[in-house]
Every structure is written in structure tokens, then in C-alpha cells.
């Protein structure tokens, strides 16, 4: 499960091919997310044939012709971006981080004005 992808990832990094390196990094992100979902499902839900479904998902991500890596990475990137855009404020409140550099979130501007 890890030996061949790790070897290919290292070879892609050593070759200097940015497109291939990015594809392998996406693979590791999706594989990590699949593993976490699988572990959570084992702890909290009983899903029939969950091990088989997990194996099929890992195989689908590993086969480039199915393009399932791109299909899964896009929503993961969006979800991670929305989580990364939030940060914990000192008062326990959650504020959105501004998307543009130099601009402040509305909540932060109101705090500074008062």
C-alpha cells in the first residue's frame, strides 16, 4: 500500500518534474483523507464491507486512467481551504481570515474601532 507510491514519489521529486511531483502529493493527501474516513467509520459506524470499500477506493485513486484522484482532491482542497480560512480568536470567538493580504476581516475591524 505504501512502498510503491513512496518509491514513485521520491523518484518524481528527484526528477524535478513539478507536474508529476504535484500528482503524487495529491495522492498522499487523498490517501490520508481516505484512511481517516475509514478509521472514523470503523469507530462510529458499522458499514458492511468497509474494508473492501476502502481497498476499492485506494485502488481507484492509484489507477490514473480513472481520474478519481482529481475528483476527490478538488473537494478536499475546498474543504481544507474553508477550514484554513478560520482561526481561533483570543476571546474564544472564531473569525474568518481575510482572503486578500492586508485586508482585515469585518469582525476584527469592528473590534479595533471600539
C-alpha atoms as a PDB file:
ATOM      1  CA  UNK A   1       0.000   0.000   0.000  1.00  0.00           C
ATOM      2  CA  UNK A   2       2.846   2.421   0.751  1.00  0.00           C
ATOM      3  CA  UNK A   3       6.075   1.029  -0.743  1.00  0.00           C
ATOM      4  CA  UNK A   4       5.494   1.587  -4.469  1.00  0.00           C
ATOM      5  CA  UNK A   5       3.814   5.023  -4.084  1.00  0.00           C
ATOM      6  CA  UNK A   6       6.616   6.141  -1.756  1.00  0.00           C
ATOM      7  CA  UNK A   7       9.240   4.997  -4.253  1.00  0.00           C
ATOM      8  CA  UNK A   8       7.441   6.721  -7.143  1.00  0.00           C
ATOM      9  CA  UNK A   9       7.024   9.912  -5.082  1.00  0.00           C
ATOM     10  CA  UNK A  10      10.730  10.047  -4.313  1.00  0.00           C
ATOM     11  CA  UNK A  11      11.576   9.389  -7.964  1.00  0.00           C
ATOM     12  CA  UNK A  12       9.234  12.192  -9.051  1.00  0.00           C
ATOM     13  CA  UNK A  13      10.818  14.610  -6.593  1.00  0.00           C
ATOM     14  CA  UNK A  14      14.317  13.621  -7.694  1.00  0.00           C
ATOM     15  CA  UNK A  15      13.445  14.073 -11.370  1.00  0.00           C
ATOM     16  CA  UNK A  16      12.378  17.670 -10.831  1.00  0.00           C
ATOM     17  CA  UNK A  17       9.133  17.165 -12.765  1.00  0.00           C
ATOM     18  CA  UNK A  18       6.739  19.509 -10.941  1.00  0.00           C
ATOM     19  CA  UNK A  19       3.589  18.115 -12.540  1.00  0.00           C
ATOM     20  CA  UNK A  20       4.433  14.540 -11.565  1.00  0.00           C
ATOM     21  CA  UNK A  21       5.513  15.607  -8.078  1.00  0.00           C
ATOM     22  CA  UNK A  22       2.241  17.501  -7.589  1.00  0.00           C
ATOM     23  CA  UNK A  23       0.263  14.449  -8.703  1.00  0.00           C
ATOM     24  CA  UNK A  24       1.999  12.269  -6.117  1.00  0.00           C
ATOM     25  CA  UNK A  25       1.499  14.846  -3.380  1.00  0.00           C
ATOM     26  CA  UNK A  26      -2.208  14.898  -4.241  1.00  0.00           C
ATOM     27  CA  UNK A  27      -2.170  11.102  -3.973  1.00  0.00           C
ATOM     28  CA  UNK A  28      -0.803  11.275  -0.424  1.00  0.00           C
ATOM     29  CA  UNK A  29      -3.368  13.892   0.613  1.00  0.00           C
ATOM     30  CA  UNK A  30      -6.263  11.839  -0.747  1.00  0.00           C
ATOM     31  CA  UNK A  31      -4.868   8.617   0.717  1.00  0.00           C
ATOM     32  CA  UNK A  32      -4.564  10.254   4.143  1.00  0.00           C
ATOM     33  CA  UNK A  33      -8.138  11.522   3.936  1.00  0.00           C
ATOM     34  CA  UNK A  34      -9.406   8.079   2.876  1.00  0.00           C
ATOM     35  CA  UNK A  35      -7.580   6.476   5.793  1.00  0.00           C
ATOM     36  CA  UNK A  36      -9.051   8.950   8.273  1.00  0.00           C
ATOM     37  CA  UNK A  37     -12.582   8.478   6.957  1.00  0.00           C
ATOM     38  CA  UNK A  38     -12.115   4.726   7.136  1.00  0.00           C
ATOM     39  CA  UNK A  39     -10.836   4.878  10.742  1.00  0.00           C
ATOM     40  CA  UNK A  40     -13.722   7.114  11.781  1.00  0.00           C
ATOM     41  CA  UNK A  41     -16.230   4.829  10.113  1.00  0.00           C
ATOM     42  CA  UNK A  42     -14.785   1.837  11.975  1.00  0.00           C
ATOM     43  CA  UNK A  43     -15.114   3.628  15.311  1.00  0.00           C
ATOM     44  CA  UNK A  44     -18.506   5.272  14.940  1.00  0.00           C
ATOM     45  CA  UNK A  45     -20.435   3.471  12.228  1.00  0.00           C
ATOM     46  CA  UNK A  46     -20.855  -0.059  11.110  1.00  0.00           C
ATOM     47  CA  UNK A  47     -20.645  -0.144   7.347  1.00  0.00           C
ATOM     48  CA  UNK A  48     -20.873  -3.560   5.709  1.00  0.00           C
ATOM     49  CA  UNK A  49     -17.765  -4.425   3.705  1.00  0.00           C
ATOM     50  CA  UNK A  50     -15.992  -1.235   4.831  1.00  0.00           C
ATOM     51  CA  UNK A  51     -12.578  -2.862   4.395  1.00  0.00           C
ATOM     52  CA  UNK A  52     -13.467  -3.843   0.851  1.00  0.00           C
ATOM     53  CA  UNK A  53     -14.790  -0.359   0.080  1.00  0.00           C
ATOM     54  CA  UNK A  54     -11.604   1.174   1.459  1.00  0.00           C
ATOM     55  CA  UNK A  55      -9.484  -1.132  -0.688  1.00  0.00           C
ATOM     56  CA  UNK A  56     -11.509  -0.247  -3.792  1.00  0.00           C
ATOM     57  CA  UNK A  57     -11.137   3.474  -3.036  1.00  0.00           C
ATOM     58  CA  UNK A  58      -7.358   3.160  -2.632  1.00  0.00           C
ATOM     59  CA  UNK A  59      -7.128   1.182  -5.873  1.00  0.00           C
ATOM     60  CA  UNK A  60      -9.304   3.720  -7.696  1.00  0.00           C
ATOM     61  CA  UNK A  61      -7.016   6.545  -6.559  1.00  0.00           C
ATOM     62  CA  UNK A  62      -3.962   4.544  -7.629  1.00  0.00           C
ATOM     63  CA  UNK A  63      -5.155   3.985 -11.212  1.00  0.00           C
ATOM     64  CA  UNK A  64      -4.507   7.174 -13.228  1.00  0.00           C
ATOM     65  CA  UNK A  65      -6.954   6.320 -16.024  1.00  0.00           C
ATOM     66  CA  UNK A  66      -9.952   6.549 -13.684  1.00  0.00           C
ATOM     67  CA  UNK A  67      -9.099  10.157 -12.757  1.00  0.00           C
ATOM     68  CA  UNK A  68     -10.604   9.573  -9.311  1.00  0.00           C
ATOM     69  CA  UNK A  69      -7.649  11.339  -7.714  1.00  0.00           C
ATOM     70  CA  UNK A  70      -8.686  14.646  -9.300  1.00  0.00           C
ATOM     71  CA  UNK A  71     -12.340  14.030  -8.422  1.00  0.00           C
ATOM     72  CA  UNK A  72     -11.517  13.507  -4.749  1.00  0.00           C
ATOM     73  CA  UNK A  73      -8.753  16.101  -4.417  1.00  0.00           C
ATOM     74  CA  UNK A  74     -10.893  19.052  -5.583  1.00  0.00           C
ATOM     75  CA  UNK A  75     -13.498  18.776  -2.791  1.00  0.00           C
ATOM     76  CA  UNK A  76     -10.758  18.053  -0.239  1.00  0.00           C
ATOM     77  CA  UNK A  77      -8.899  21.186  -1.291  1.00  0.00           C
ATOM     78  CA  UNK A  78     -12.085  23.260  -0.993  1.00  0.00           C
ATOM     79  CA  UNK A  79     -12.889  21.795   2.425  1.00  0.00           C
ATOM     80  CA  UNK A  80      -9.350  22.372   3.648  1.00  0.00           C
ATOM     81  CA  UNK A  81      -9.388  25.934   2.304  1.00  0.00           C
ATOM     82  CA  UNK A  82     -12.575  26.742   4.197  1.00  0.00           C
ATOM     83  CA  UNK A  83     -11.132  25.230   7.380  1.00  0.00           C
ATOM     84  CA  UNK A  84      -7.824  27.031   6.938  1.00  0.00           C
ATOM     85  CA  UNK A  85      -9.666  30.320   6.440  1.00  0.00           C
ATOM     86  CA  UNK A  86     -10.900  30.128  10.012  1.00  0.00           C
ATOM     87  CA  UNK A  87      -8.763  30.813  13.032  1.00  0.00           C
ATOM     88  CA  UNK A  88      -9.289  30.906  16.739  1.00  0.00           C
ATOM     89  CA  UNK A  89      -9.535  34.376  18.274  1.00  0.00           C
ATOM     90  CA  UNK A  90      -8.321  35.146  21.826  1.00  0.00           C
ATOM     91  CA  UNK A  91     -11.844  35.537  23.242  1.00  0.00           C
ATOM     92  CA  UNK A  92     -12.846  32.079  22.058  1.00  0.00           C
ATOM     93  CA  UNK A  93     -14.648  33.507  19.026  1.00  0.00           C
ATOM     94  CA  UNK A  94     -13.966  32.226  15.548  1.00  0.00           C
ATOM     95  CA  UNK A  95     -13.155  34.845  12.922  1.00  0.00           C
ATOM     96  CA  UNK A  96     -12.667  34.459   9.210  1.00  0.00           C
ATOM     97  CA  UNK A  97      -9.228  35.282   7.920  1.00  0.00           C
ATOM     98  CA  UNK A  98      -9.319  37.739   5.042  1.00  0.00           C
ATOM     99  CA  UNK A  99      -8.593  36.246   1.651  1.00  0.00           C
ATOM    100  CA  UNK A 100      -6.528  39.202   0.459  1.00  0.00           C
ATOM    101  CA  UNK A 101      -3.292  40.216   2.111  1.00  0.00           C
ATOM    102  CA  UNK A 102      -3.518  43.397   4.097  1.00  0.00           C
ATOM    103  CA  UNK A 103      -7.302  43.400   4.437  1.00  0.00           C
ATOM    104  CA  UNK A 104      -8.884  42.645   7.784  1.00  0.00           C
ATOM    105  CA  UNK A 105     -11.981  40.582   8.492  1.00  0.00           C
ATOM    106  CA  UNK A 106     -15.059  42.620   9.325  1.00  0.00           C
ATOM    107  CA  UNK A 107     -15.177  41.305  12.922  1.00  0.00           C
ATOM    108  CA  UNK A 108     -11.556  42.378  13.510  1.00  0.00           C
ATOM    109  CA  UNK A 109     -12.270  45.884  12.150  1.00  0.00           C
ATOM    110  CA  UNK A 110     -15.242  46.265  14.497  1.00  0.00           C
ATOM    111  CA  UNK A 111     -13.133  45.146  17.499  1.00  0.00           C
ATOM    112  CA  UNK A 112     -10.434  47.717  16.700  1.00  0.00           C
ATOM    113  CA  UNK A 113     -12.993  50.506  16.248  1.00  0.00           C
ATOM    114  CA  UNK A 114     -14.466  50.008  19.733  1.00  0.00           C
END
